[in-house]
Amino acid sequence: MTPAPKPEILAAFEAAKGFMPTTEGLALYAAALEAGRLGLPILEVGTYCGRSTILLADAARQAGVTALTVDHHRGSEEQQPGWDYHDPETVDPELGVMDTLPTFRRTLRGAGLEDHVVALVGRSPQIARIWDSPLGLVFIDGGHTDEHAGADYEGWAPHVAHGGLLLIHDVFPNPADEFTGQAPYRVYLRALASGAFTEVSVTDSLRVLRRTGAGI
């Protein structure tokens, strides 16, 4: 049976701002529980308001590891004013720019998970360049351009430990089905072609891959 979070954790996930559907969230949770057994931190790229972070943090808490989440909190391309995924409530009224960090912090506090998450506030490539520790799981869910998705893969995939998991969100093989470009799909193909990763599962647009090889 696929493990599921406690009702209060699932309710917090479903109430949080964000775009991940419950089916994918449950797959994310199961993968995080599995990866947590390696005893290594788990990391997501693309925090937004903390919806998926809730599930990662709860899995990390159970495994006795730390969940890390990377985001500059200024919003990705499709979340800017004038785009379909823009939420005016995430705009700083004084500066007039997006700032999802306050909402993220409220989300974690409401779920009782603040002590199990380290928020890395900054741009993914900058943080990846100074990161030098193995990770049990990397979840790529940041910007959806080739530039940003590719940089997230290049920066973080090499840190996935052997036997660890690489998760890629918003993978849409059919151009007619996707909403923000096919960059995550191309990253997914690139990971498979590298020989370093083997596919474990597919849940809607979420792909779970395991690190089985050396080259990336």
N, C-alpha and C. Protein backbone atom coordinates (compact mmCIF):
# COMPACT_ATOMS: atom_id res chain seq x y z
N MET A 1 0.85 -1.20 0.00
CA MET A 1 0.00 0.00 0.00
C MET A 1 0.88 1.25 0.00
N THR A 2 0.54 2.22 -0.84
CA THR A 2 1.30 3.46 -0.90
C THR A 2 1.12 4.25 0.40
N PRO A 3 2.21 4.66 1.04
CA PRO A 3 2.08 5.41 2.29
C PRO A 3 1.40 6.75 2.06
N ALA A 4 0.62 7.16 3.03
CA ALA A 4 -0.08 8.44 2.94
C ALA A 4 0.19 9.25 4.19
N PRO A 5 0.23 10.56 4.09
CA PRO A 5 0.44 11.40 5.28
C PRO A 5 -0.79 11.36 6.18
N LYS A 6 -0.61 11.78 7.41
CA LYS A 6 -1.74 11.89 8.33
C LYS A 6 -2.75 12.89 7.78
N PRO A 7 -4.02 12.73 8.15
CA PRO A 7 -5.06 13.62 7.60
C PRO A 7 -4.77 15.10 7.78
N GLU A 8 -4.18 15.48 8.91
CA GLU A 8 -3.93 16.90 9.14
C GLU A 8 -2.82 17.43 8.22
N ILE A 9 -1.86 16.58 7.88
CA ILE A 9 -0.81 17.00 6.96
C ILE A 9 -1.37 17.10 5.55
N LEU A 10 -2.16 16.14 5.15
CA LEU A 10 -2.78 16.19 3.82
C LEU A 10 -3.70 17.40 3.70
N ALA A 11 -4.44 17.69 4.77
CA ALA A 11 -5.33 18.85 4.75
C ALA A 11 -4.53 20.15 4.62
N ALA A 12 -3.40 20.23 5.30
CA ALA A 12 -2.55 21.43 5.19
C ALA A 12 -2.01 21.58 3.77
N PHE A 13 -1.60 20.48 3.18
CA PHE A 13 -1.13 20.49 1.79
C PHE A 13 -2.22 21.00 0.85
N GLU A 14 -3.40 20.46 0.98
CA GLU A 14 -4.49 20.82 0.06
C GLU A 14 -4.97 22.25 0.28
N ALA A 15 -4.77 22.79 1.47
CA ALA A 15 -5.20 24.16 1.76
C ALA A 15 -4.16 25.20 1.34
N ALA A 16 -2.94 24.77 1.13
CA ALA A 16 -1.85 25.72 0.84
C ALA A 16 -1.94 26.21 -0.60
N LYS A 17 -1.45 27.44 -0.82
CA LYS A 17 -1.35 27.95 -2.19
C LYS A 17 -0.39 27.08 -2.98
N GLY A 18 -0.73 26.83 -4.22
CA GLY A 18 0.16 26.04 -5.07
C GLY A 18 -0.63 25.32 -6.14
N PHE A 19 0.08 24.54 -6.92
CA PHE A 19 -0.52 23.97 -8.13
C PHE A 19 -0.43 22.45 -8.20
N MET A 20 0.27 21.80 -7.28
CA MET A 20 0.42 20.35 -7.35
C MET A 20 -0.86 19.66 -6.92
N PRO A 21 -1.42 18.79 -7.77
CA PRO A 21 -2.62 18.05 -7.38
C PRO A 21 -2.29 16.98 -6.35
N THR A 22 -3.32 16.50 -5.67
CA THR A 22 -3.13 15.55 -4.57
C THR A 22 -2.50 14.25 -5.05
N THR A 23 -2.88 13.77 -6.23
CA THR A 23 -2.31 12.51 -6.72
C THR A 23 -0.79 12.60 -6.83
N GLU A 24 -0.31 13.70 -7.37
CA GLU A 24 1.13 13.89 -7.49
C GLU A 24 1.76 14.13 -6.11
N GLY A 25 1.05 14.82 -5.25
CA GLY A 25 1.56 15.06 -3.91
C GLY A 25 1.78 13.77 -3.15
N LEU A 26 0.86 12.83 -3.28
CA LEU A 26 1.01 11.54 -2.60
C LEU A 26 2.20 10.76 -3.15
N ALA A 27 2.43 10.86 -4.46
CA ALA A 27 3.61 10.21 -5.05
C ALA A 27 4.89 10.87 -4.57
N LEU A 28 4.87 12.18 -4.45
CA LEU A 28 6.01 12.92 -3.92
C LEU A 28 6.30 12.48 -2.48
N TYR A 29 5.26 12.37 -1.70
CA TYR A 29 5.40 11.98 -0.29
C TYR A 29 6.01 10.59 -0.17
N ALA A 30 5.51 9.65 -0.97
CA ALA A 30 6.03 8.28 -0.93
C ALA A 30 7.51 8.24 -1.31
N ALA A 31 7.88 9.02 -2.33
CA ALA A 31 9.28 9.06 -2.76
C ALA A 31 10.16 9.66 -1.67
N ALA A 32 9.66 10.70 -1.01
CA ALA A 32 10.44 11.35 0.04
C ALA A 32 10.64 10.42 1.24
N LEU A 33 9.62 9.66 1.58
CA LEU A 33 9.76 8.68 2.66
C LEU A 33 10.83 7.65 2.32
N GLU A 34 10.78 7.16 1.07
CA GLU A 34 11.77 6.18 0.64
C GLU A 34 13.17 6.77 0.67
N ALA A 35 13.33 7.95 0.10
CA ALA A 35 14.65 8.57 0.04
C ALA A 35 15.18 8.90 1.43
N GLY A 36 14.28 9.21 2.35
CA GLY A 36 14.71 9.55 3.70
C GLY A 36 15.44 8.42 4.40
N ARG A 37 15.20 7.19 3.96
CA ARG A 37 15.86 6.04 4.58
C ARG A 37 17.36 6.05 4.33
N LEU A 38 17.82 6.82 3.35
CA LEU A 38 19.25 6.92 3.10
C LEU A 38 19.96 7.74 4.17
N GLY A 39 19.17 8.47 4.97
CA GLY A 39 19.76 9.26 6.04
C GLY A 39 20.39 10.56 5.57
N LEU A 40 20.02 11.00 4.37
CA LEU A 40 20.58 12.22 3.79
C LEU A 40 19.49 13.27 3.64
N PRO A 41 19.86 14.55 3.58
CA PRO A 41 18.86 15.59 3.37
C PRO A 41 18.12 15.40 2.05
N ILE A 42 16.90 15.92 1.99
CA ILE A 42 16.13 15.93 0.75
C ILE A 42 15.88 17.39 0.37
N LEU A 43 15.87 17.66 -0.92
CA LEU A 43 15.87 19.06 -1.37
C LEU A 43 14.90 19.26 -2.52
N GLU A 44 14.17 20.36 -2.48
CA GLU A 44 13.34 20.75 -3.60
C GLU A 44 13.82 22.08 -4.16
N VAL A 45 13.69 22.23 -5.46
CA VAL A 45 13.98 23.49 -6.15
C VAL A 45 12.64 24.04 -6.62
N GLY A 46 12.25 25.18 -6.06
CA GLY A 46 10.96 25.78 -6.40
C GLY A 46 9.99 25.64 -5.24
N THR A 47 10.08 26.58 -4.29
CA THR A 47 9.27 26.51 -3.07
C THR A 47 7.87 27.07 -3.27
N TYR A 48 7.80 28.22 -3.97
CA TYR A 48 6.58 29.00 -4.09
C TYR A 48 6.04 29.28 -2.69
N CYS A 49 4.85 28.82 -2.36
CA CYS A 49 4.25 29.11 -1.06
C CYS A 49 4.29 27.93 -0.10
N GLY A 50 4.98 26.86 -0.48
CA GLY A 50 5.22 25.77 0.46
C GLY A 50 4.27 24.59 0.39
N ARG A 51 3.46 24.52 -0.65
CA ARG A 51 2.50 23.41 -0.75
C ARG A 51 3.22 22.06 -0.73
N SER A 52 4.14 21.85 -1.67
CA SER A 52 4.86 20.58 -1.72
C SER A 52 5.83 20.44 -0.55
N THR A 53 6.31 21.56 -0.04
CA THR A 53 7.25 21.51 1.09
C THR A 53 6.63 20.84 2.30
N ILE A 54 5.34 21.01 2.49
CA ILE A 54 4.67 20.37 3.61
C ILE A 54 4.88 18.87 3.59
N LEU A 55 4.71 18.26 2.44
CA LEU A 55 4.84 16.81 2.33
C LEU A 55 6.30 16.38 2.48
N LEU A 56 7.21 17.12 1.87
CA LEU A 56 8.62 16.80 2.01
C LEU A 56 9.07 16.94 3.47
N ALA A 57 8.61 17.98 4.13
CA ALA A 57 9.01 18.21 5.52
C ALA A 57 8.48 17.12 6.44
N ASP A 58 7.25 16.70 6.22
CA ASP A 58 6.69 15.66 7.07
C ASP A 58 7.42 14.34 6.86
N ALA A 59 7.76 14.03 5.60
CA ALA A 59 8.53 12.82 5.33
C ALA A 59 9.91 12.92 5.96
N ALA A 60 10.53 14.09 5.88
CA ALA A 60 11.85 14.29 6.49
C ALA A 60 11.78 14.13 8.00
N ARG A 61 10.73 14.65 8.59
CA ARG A 61 10.55 14.52 10.04
C ARG A 61 10.49 13.05 10.44
N GLN A 62 9.75 12.27 9.69
CA GLN A 62 9.63 10.85 10.02
C GLN A 62 10.95 10.11 9.84
N ALA A 63 11.74 10.53 8.86
CA ALA A 63 13.01 9.86 8.57
C ALA A 63 14.15 10.38 9.44
N GLY A 64 13.93 11.49 10.13
CA GLY A 64 14.99 12.07 10.94
C GLY A 64 16.04 12.79 10.12
N VAL A 65 15.64 13.31 8.95
CA VAL A 65 16.55 14.08 8.11
C VAL A 65 15.98 15.48 7.95
N THR A 66 16.68 16.31 7.20
CA THR A 66 16.26 17.70 6.99
C THR A 66 15.75 17.89 5.57
N ALA A 67 14.67 18.63 5.44
CA ALA A 67 14.18 19.04 4.12
C ALA A 67 14.71 20.43 3.83
N LEU A 68 15.26 20.60 2.63
CA LEU A 68 15.76 21.90 2.19
C LEU A 68 14.94 22.35 1.00
N THR A 69 14.70 23.64 0.91
CA THR A 69 13.92 24.14 -0.21
C THR A 69 14.55 25.42 -0.74
N VAL A 70 14.72 25.48 -2.05
CA VAL A 70 15.47 26.55 -2.72
C VAL A 70 14.53 27.41 -3.55
N ASP A 71 14.56 28.70 -3.33
CA ASP A 71 13.72 29.61 -4.12
C ASP A 71 14.15 31.05 -3.85
N HIS A 72 14.09 31.90 -4.88
CA HIS A 72 14.35 33.33 -4.65
C HIS A 72 13.09 34.05 -4.20
N HIS A 73 11.95 33.39 -4.31
CA HIS A 73 10.66 33.89 -3.83
C HIS A 73 10.17 35.14 -4.55
N ARG A 74 10.68 35.39 -5.75
CA ARG A 74 10.18 36.47 -6.58
C ARG A 74 9.27 35.96 -7.70
N GLY A 75 9.01 34.68 -7.70
CA GLY A 75 8.09 34.11 -8.69
C GLY A 75 8.78 33.72 -9.98
N SER A 76 8.33 32.64 -10.57
CA SER A 76 8.85 32.23 -11.88
C SER A 76 8.11 32.97 -12.98
N GLU A 77 8.46 32.67 -14.21
CA GLU A 77 7.97 33.44 -15.36
C GLU A 77 6.44 33.49 -15.41
N GLU A 78 5.81 32.32 -15.27
CA GLU A 78 4.36 32.24 -15.45
C GLU A 78 3.58 32.80 -14.26
N GLN A 79 4.29 33.21 -13.20
CA GLN A 79 3.62 33.76 -12.02
C GLN A 79 3.69 35.28 -11.95
N GLN A 80 4.28 35.90 -12.96
CA GLN A 80 4.40 37.36 -12.96
C GLN A 80 3.07 38.00 -13.39
N PRO A 81 2.88 39.29 -13.07
CA PRO A 81 1.64 39.98 -13.46
C PRO A 81 1.37 39.85 -14.96
N GLY A 82 0.10 39.58 -15.28
CA GLY A 82 -0.30 39.42 -16.67
C GLY A 82 -0.29 37.99 -17.16
N TRP A 83 0.26 37.07 -16.35
CA TRP A 83 0.30 35.66 -16.73
C TRP A 83 -0.79 34.89 -15.99
N ASP A 84 -1.12 33.72 -16.53
CA ASP A 84 -2.24 32.94 -16.01
C ASP A 84 -2.07 32.52 -14.56
N TYR A 85 -0.83 32.32 -14.11
CA TYR A 85 -0.62 31.79 -12.77
C TYR A 85 -0.19 32.86 -11.77
N HIS A 86 -0.49 34.09 -12.08
CA HIS A 86 -0.19 35.19 -11.17
C HIS A 86 -1.25 35.27 -10.07
N ASP A 87 -0.79 35.45 -8.83
CA ASP A 87 -1.68 35.61 -7.68
C ASP A 87 -1.37 36.96 -7.05
N PRO A 88 -2.27 37.94 -7.16
CA PRO A 88 -2.00 39.28 -6.60
C PRO A 88 -1.71 39.26 -5.11
N GLU A 89 -2.18 38.25 -4.40
CA GLU A 89 -1.94 38.18 -2.95
C GLU A 89 -0.47 37.95 -2.62
N THR A 90 0.32 37.53 -3.59
CA THR A 90 1.74 37.27 -3.34
C THR A 90 2.62 38.48 -3.69
N VAL A 91 2.02 39.59 -4.01
CA VAL A 91 2.78 40.80 -4.35
C VAL A 91 3.02 41.63 -3.10
N ASP A 92 4.26 42.05 -2.89
CA ASP A 92 4.61 42.94 -1.79
C ASP A 92 3.99 44.31 -2.08
N PRO A 93 3.08 44.80 -1.24
CA PRO A 93 2.38 46.05 -1.54
C PRO A 93 3.29 47.27 -1.53
N GLU A 94 4.39 47.20 -0.81
CA GLU A 94 5.30 48.33 -0.73
C GLU A 94 6.24 48.36 -1.93
N LEU A 95 6.78 47.20 -2.30
CA LEU A 95 7.77 47.15 -3.37
C LEU A 95 7.14 46.91 -4.74
N GLY A 96 5.93 46.34 -4.76
CA GLY A 96 5.27 46.07 -6.03
C GLY A 96 5.83 44.89 -6.79
N VAL A 97 6.56 44.01 -6.09
CA VAL A 97 7.11 42.80 -6.71
C VAL A 97 6.62 41.59 -5.93
N MET A 98 6.69 40.43 -6.56
CA MET A 98 6.27 39.22 -5.89
C MET A 98 7.20 38.89 -4.72
N ASP A 99 6.61 38.40 -3.65
CA ASP A 99 7.38 37.91 -2.52
C ASP A 99 6.56 36.81 -1.85
N THR A 100 6.88 35.57 -2.19
CA THR A 100 6.14 34.44 -1.65
C THR A 100 6.69 33.94 -0.32
N LEU A 101 7.80 34.53 0.14
CA LEU A 101 8.42 34.05 1.38
C LEU A 101 7.50 34.19 2.59
N PRO A 102 6.82 35.32 2.81
CA PRO A 102 5.94 35.40 3.98
C PRO A 102 4.84 34.33 3.97
N THR A 103 4.25 34.09 2.81
CA THR A 103 3.20 33.07 2.72
C THR A 103 3.78 31.70 3.01
N PHE A 104 4.96 31.43 2.46
CA PHE A 104 5.64 30.16 2.72
C PHE A 104 5.85 29.95 4.21
N ARG A 105 6.31 30.97 4.91
CA ARG A 105 6.57 30.83 6.34
C ARG A 105 5.28 30.59 7.12
N ARG A 106 4.21 31.27 6.72
CA ARG A 106 2.93 31.02 7.38
C ARG A 106 2.44 29.60 7.11
N THR A 107 2.68 29.12 5.90
CA THR A 107 2.26 27.76 5.54
C THR A 107 2.95 26.73 6.44
N LEU A 108 4.26 26.86 6.59
CA LEU A 108 5.01 25.90 7.42
C LEU A 108 4.60 25.99 8.88
N ARG A 109 4.42 27.20 9.37
CA ARG A 109 4.04 27.35 10.78
C ARG A 109 2.66 26.74 11.02
N GLY A 110 1.75 26.98 10.11
CA GLY A 110 0.41 26.42 10.26
C GLY A 110 0.40 24.91 10.27
N ALA A 111 1.35 24.31 9.55
CA ALA A 111 1.43 22.85 9.49
C ALA A 111 2.30 22.27 10.61
N GLY A 112 2.92 23.14 11.42
CA GLY A 112 3.76 22.67 12.51
C GLY A 112 5.06 22.05 12.05
N LEU A 113 5.61 22.55 10.94
CA LEU A 113 6.78 21.91 10.33
C LEU A 113 7.99 22.83 10.21
N GLU A 114 7.96 23.97 10.86
CA GLU A 114 9.07 24.93 10.73
C GLU A 114 10.42 24.33 11.12
N ASP A 115 10.42 23.48 12.13
CA ASP A 115 11.68 22.95 12.64
C ASP A 115 12.29 21.87 11.75
N HIS A 116 11.60 21.49 10.69
CA HIS A 116 12.07 20.38 9.85
C HIS A 116 12.47 20.84 8.45
N VAL A 117 12.51 22.16 8.25
CA VAL A 117 12.81 22.71 6.94
C VAL A 117 13.87 23.80 7.06
N VAL A 118 14.82 23.78 6.14
CA VAL A 118 15.76 24.88 5.98
C VAL A 118 15.45 25.55 4.65
N ALA A 119 15.07 26.82 4.70
CA ALA A 119 14.76 27.57 3.48
C ALA A 119 16.03 28.25 2.97
N LEU A 120 16.43 27.91 1.76
CA LEU A 120 17.59 28.52 1.12
C LEU A 120 17.05 29.58 0.15
N VAL A 121 17.17 30.84 0.52
CA VAL A 121 16.58 31.93 -0.25
C VAL A 121 17.63 32.50 -1.18
N GLY A 122 17.44 32.27 -2.46
CA GLY A 122 18.37 32.74 -3.46
C GLY A 122 18.13 32.00 -4.76
N ARG A 123 18.90 32.32 -5.76
CA ARG A 123 18.72 31.69 -7.07
C ARG A 123 19.41 30.33 -7.07
N SER A 124 18.70 29.37 -7.65
CA SER A 124 19.14 27.98 -7.63
C SER A 124 20.58 27.78 -8.10
N PRO A 125 21.00 28.33 -9.24
CA PRO A 125 22.38 28.08 -9.69
C PRO A 125 23.42 28.60 -8.71
N GLN A 126 23.15 29.75 -8.08
CA GLN A 126 24.11 30.32 -7.13
C GLN A 126 24.28 29.41 -5.92
N ILE A 127 23.17 28.88 -5.42
CA ILE A 127 23.24 28.01 -4.25
C ILE A 127 23.87 26.67 -4.63
N ALA A 128 23.51 26.15 -5.80
CA ALA A 128 24.06 24.86 -6.23
C ALA A 128 25.57 24.92 -6.36
N ARG A 129 26.09 26.07 -6.79
CA ARG A 129 27.54 26.19 -6.99
C ARG A 129 28.33 26.04 -5.70
N ILE A 130 27.72 26.36 -4.57
CA ILE A 130 28.46 26.26 -3.31
C ILE A 130 28.02 25.05 -2.48
N TRP A 131 27.12 24.24 -3.04
CA TRP A 131 26.65 23.05 -2.32
C TRP A 131 27.62 21.91 -2.58
N ASP A 132 28.01 21.18 -1.52
CA ASP A 132 29.00 20.12 -1.72
C ASP A 132 28.69 18.84 -0.94
N SER A 133 27.41 18.62 -0.61
CA SER A 133 27.02 17.43 0.16
C SER A 133 26.04 16.56 -0.64
N PRO A 134 26.09 15.24 -0.45
CA PRO A 134 25.14 14.37 -1.15
C PRO A 134 23.72 14.54 -0.62
N LEU A 135 22.76 14.29 -1.49
CA LEU A 135 21.34 14.43 -1.16
C LEU A 135 20.61 13.12 -1.46
N GLY A 136 19.65 12.80 -0.61
CA GLY A 136 18.88 11.59 -0.84
C GLY A 136 17.81 11.76 -1.90
N LEU A 137 17.38 13.00 -2.10
CA LEU A 137 16.33 13.30 -3.07
C LEU A 137 16.49 14.73 -3.54
N VAL A 138 16.31 14.93 -4.84
CA VAL A 138 16.21 16.27 -5.43
C VAL A 138 14.92 16.33 -6.22
N PHE A 139 14.10 17.32 -5.90
CA PHE A 139 12.81 17.52 -6.58
C PHE A 139 12.90 18.82 -7.37
N ILE A 140 12.89 18.72 -8.69
CA ILE A 140 13.01 19.90 -9.56
C ILE A 140 11.62 20.39 -9.94
N ASP A 141 11.28 21.59 -9.45
CA ASP A 141 9.97 22.17 -9.71
C ASP A 141 10.08 23.70 -9.71
N GLY A 142 11.14 24.19 -10.37
CA GLY A 142 11.37 25.63 -10.41
C GLY A 142 10.89 26.25 -11.70
N GLY A 143 11.71 27.12 -12.28
CA GLY A 143 11.33 27.78 -13.52
C GLY A 143 11.17 26.80 -14.67
N HIS A 144 10.28 27.14 -15.61
CA HIS A 144 9.91 26.21 -16.67
C HIS A 144 10.46 26.61 -18.04
N THR A 145 11.48 27.46 -18.06
CA THR A 145 12.18 27.71 -19.32
C THR A 145 13.34 26.72 -19.42
N ASP A 146 13.85 26.55 -20.64
CA ASP A 146 15.00 25.67 -20.80
C ASP A 146 16.19 26.17 -19.98
N GLU A 147 16.37 27.49 -19.94
CA GLU A 147 17.47 28.05 -19.17
C GLU A 147 17.40 27.66 -17.71
N HIS A 148 16.23 27.88 -17.09
CA HIS A 148 16.11 27.65 -15.66
C HIS A 148 16.00 26.17 -15.31
N ALA A 149 15.18 25.43 -16.04
CA ALA A 149 15.06 23.99 -15.75
C ALA A 149 16.38 23.28 -16.00
N GLY A 150 17.05 23.66 -17.09
CA GLY A 150 18.35 23.05 -17.38
C GLY A 150 19.37 23.35 -16.31
N ALA A 151 19.39 24.60 -15.83
CA ALA A 151 20.34 24.97 -14.78
C ALA A 151 20.04 24.25 -13.48
N ASP A 152 18.77 24.05 -13.17
CA ASP A 152 18.41 23.30 -11.96
C ASP A 152 18.92 21.86 -12.04
N TYR A 153 18.76 21.25 -13.21
CA TYR A 153 19.24 19.88 -13.40
C TYR A 153 20.77 19.84 -13.29
N GLU A 154 21.43 20.73 -14.00
CA GLU A 154 22.90 20.72 -13.99
C GLU A 154 23.46 21.02 -12.61
N GLY A 155 22.78 21.87 -11.87
CA GLY A 155 23.29 22.26 -10.56
C GLY A 155 23.06 21.22 -9.47
N TRP A 156 21.91 20.53 -9.54
CA TRP A 156 21.52 19.68 -8.41
C TRP A 156 21.56 18.19 -8.68
N ALA A 157 21.33 17.74 -9.90
CA ALA A 157 21.32 16.30 -10.17
C ALA A 157 22.64 15.62 -9.78
N PRO A 158 23.81 16.26 -10.00
CA PRO A 158 25.05 15.59 -9.60
C PRO A 158 25.16 15.31 -8.10
N HIS A 159 24.37 15.99 -7.28
CA HIS A 159 24.42 15.79 -5.84
C HIS A 159 23.52 14.66 -5.35
N VAL A 160 22.72 14.07 -6.22
CA VAL A 160 21.88 12.94 -5.82
C VAL A 160 22.78 11.74 -5.54
N ALA A 161 22.68 11.19 -4.35
CA ALA A 161 23.52 10.05 -3.97
C ALA A 161 23.12 8.80 -4.76
N HIS A 162 24.04 7.88 -4.88
CA HIS A 162 23.71 6.60 -5.53
C HIS A 162 22.57 5.94 -4.76
N GLY A 163 21.53 5.54 -5.48
CA GLY A 163 20.34 4.99 -4.85
C GLY A 163 19.32 6.03 -4.48
N GLY A 164 19.71 7.31 -4.55
CA GLY A 164 18.78 8.40 -4.26
C GLY A 164 17.85 8.66 -5.42
N LEU A 165 16.95 9.61 -5.23
CA LEU A 165 15.89 9.87 -6.20
C LEU A 165 15.98 11.28 -6.77
N LEU A 166 15.71 11.37 -8.06
CA LEU A 166 15.54 12.65 -8.76
C LEU A 166 14.10 12.72 -9.22
N LEU A 167 13.38 13.74 -8.80
CA LEU A 167 12.00 13.93 -9.19
C LEU A 167 11.89 15.17 -10.05
N ILE A 168 11.12 15.07 -11.13
CA ILE A 168 10.92 16.19 -12.05
C ILE A 168 9.42 16.41 -12.20
N HIS A 169 8.98 17.63 -11.97
CA HIS A 169 7.55 17.95 -12.04
C HIS A 169 7.21 18.67 -13.34
N ASP A 170 5.95 18.58 -13.72
CA ASP A 170 5.41 19.23 -14.92
C ASP A 170 6.08 18.71 -16.19
N VAL A 171 6.17 17.39 -16.26
CA VAL A 171 6.69 16.72 -17.45
C VAL A 171 5.51 16.41 -18.38
N PHE A 172 5.47 17.10 -19.52
CA PHE A 172 4.37 16.94 -20.47
C PHE A 172 4.94 16.56 -21.84
N PRO A 173 4.91 15.27 -22.19
CA PRO A 173 5.46 14.85 -23.48
C PRO A 173 4.73 15.43 -24.68
N ASN A 174 3.42 15.65 -24.55
CA ASN A 174 2.62 16.16 -25.65
C ASN A 174 2.54 17.68 -25.56
N PRO A 175 3.06 18.41 -26.55
CA PRO A 175 3.04 19.88 -26.48
C PRO A 175 1.63 20.45 -26.31
N ALA A 176 0.62 19.73 -26.75
CA ALA A 176 -0.74 20.23 -26.63
C ALA A 176 -1.25 20.18 -25.19
N ASP A 177 -0.60 19.39 -24.33
CA ASP A 177 -1.06 19.20 -22.96
C ASP A 177 -0.37 20.09 -21.95
N GLU A 178 0.78 20.65 -22.28
CA GLU A 178 1.53 21.41 -21.29
C GLU A 178 1.14 22.87 -21.30
N PHE A 179 1.56 23.59 -20.23
CA PHE A 179 1.12 24.98 -20.10
C PHE A 179 2.27 25.97 -20.00
N THR A 180 3.47 25.51 -19.76
CA THR A 180 4.56 26.48 -19.60
C THR A 180 5.80 26.05 -20.38
N GLY A 181 5.64 25.40 -21.49
CA GLY A 181 6.80 24.95 -22.24
C GLY A 181 7.21 23.56 -21.85
N GLN A 182 8.03 22.94 -22.67
CA GLN A 182 8.39 21.55 -22.43
C GLN A 182 9.78 21.39 -21.83
N ALA A 183 10.28 22.41 -21.20
CA ALA A 183 11.62 22.32 -20.61
C ALA A 183 11.73 21.19 -19.58
N PRO A 184 10.76 21.00 -18.66
CA PRO A 184 10.88 19.87 -17.73
C PRO A 184 10.92 18.52 -18.45
N TYR A 185 10.17 18.40 -19.53
CA TYR A 185 10.20 17.16 -20.30
C TYR A 185 11.58 16.93 -20.90
N ARG A 186 12.18 17.99 -21.42
CA ARG A 186 13.52 17.84 -21.99
C ARG A 186 14.55 17.51 -20.91
N VAL A 187 14.38 18.05 -19.72
CA VAL A 187 15.27 17.70 -18.61
C VAL A 187 15.11 16.22 -18.26
N TYR A 188 13.87 15.77 -18.24
CA TYR A 188 13.59 14.35 -17.96
C TYR A 188 14.27 13.45 -18.98
N LEU A 189 14.16 13.78 -20.27
CA LEU A 189 14.82 13.00 -21.31
C LEU A 189 16.34 13.04 -21.15
N ARG A 190 16.83 14.20 -20.78
CA ARG A 190 18.28 14.35 -20.58
C ARG A 190 18.77 13.48 -19.43
N ALA A 191 18.00 13.41 -18.36
CA ALA A 191 18.38 12.59 -17.21
C ALA A 191 18.43 11.11 -17.60
N LEU A 192 17.44 10.65 -18.35
CA LEU A 192 17.43 9.26 -18.78
C LEU A 192 18.59 8.97 -19.73
N ALA A 193 18.87 9.90 -20.63
CA ALA A 193 19.93 9.70 -21.62
C ALA A 193 21.31 9.71 -20.98
N SER A 194 21.43 10.30 -19.80
CA SER A 194 22.74 10.40 -19.14
C SER A 194 23.27 9.05 -18.70
N GLY A 195 22.36 8.09 -18.52
CA GLY A 195 22.77 6.80 -18.00
C GLY A 195 22.90 6.76 -16.49
N ALA A 196 22.73 7.92 -15.86
CA ALA A 196 22.86 7.99 -14.41
C ALA A 196 21.56 7.67 -13.69
N PHE A 197 20.43 7.78 -14.38
CA PHE A 197 19.12 7.64 -13.74
C PHE A 197 18.25 6.63 -14.46
N THR A 198 17.47 5.90 -13.67
CA THR A 198 16.51 4.92 -14.18
C THR A 198 15.12 5.30 -13.67
N GLU A 199 14.14 5.23 -14.55
CA GLU A 199 12.79 5.63 -14.15
C GLU A 199 12.20 4.63 -13.16
N VAL A 200 11.57 5.18 -12.11
CA VAL A 200 10.93 4.38 -11.08
C VAL A 200 9.42 4.41 -11.22
N SER A 201 8.87 5.61 -11.42
CA SER A 201 7.41 5.72 -11.50
C SER A 201 6.99 6.97 -12.25
N VAL A 202 5.75 6.94 -12.73
CA VAL A 202 5.12 8.07 -13.40
C VAL A 202 3.77 8.29 -12.75
N THR A 203 3.52 9.50 -12.25
CA THR A 203 2.21 9.87 -11.72
C THR A 203 1.81 11.19 -12.34
N ASP A 204 0.93 11.11 -13.33
CA ASP A 204 0.53 12.30 -14.07
C ASP A 204 1.78 13.01 -14.60
N SER A 205 2.06 14.25 -14.17
CA SER A 205 3.22 14.96 -14.71
C SER A 205 4.47 14.81 -13.86
N LEU A 206 4.42 13.97 -12.83
CA LEU A 206 5.56 13.77 -11.94
C LEU A 206 6.34 12.52 -12.33
N ARG A 207 7.65 12.68 -12.54
CA ARG A 207 8.52 11.55 -12.85
C ARG A 207 9.48 11.33 -11.68
N VAL A 208 9.62 10.06 -11.30
CA VAL A 208 10.54 9.68 -10.23
C VAL A 208 11.62 8.80 -10.85
N LEU A 209 12.88 9.24 -10.70
CA LEU A 209 14.03 8.52 -11.24
C LEU A 209 14.99 8.17 -10.11
N ARG A 210 15.68 7.04 -10.27
CA ARG A 210 16.65 6.63 -9.26
C ARG A 210 18.07 6.77 -9.80
N ARG A 211 18.98 7.24 -8.97
CA ARG A 211 20.39 7.33 -9.36
C ARG A 211 21.00 5.93 -9.33
N THR A 212 21.36 5.42 -10.49
CA THR A 212 21.93 4.09 -10.60
C THR A 212 23.28 4.08 -11.28
N GLY A 213 23.68 5.21 -11.86
CA GLY A 213 24.93 5.28 -12.59
C GLY A 213 25.77 6.46 -12.15
N ALA A 214 26.92 6.59 -12.76
CA ALA A 214 27.88 7.61 -12.33
C ALA A 214 27.81 8.90 -13.16
N GLY A 215 27.66 8.75 -14.48
CA GLY A 215 27.79 9.92 -15.34
C GLY A 215 26.52 10.77 -15.41
N ILE A 216 26.71 12.08 -15.41
CA ILE A 216 25.59 13.01 -15.63
C ILE A 216 26.05 14.05 -16.64
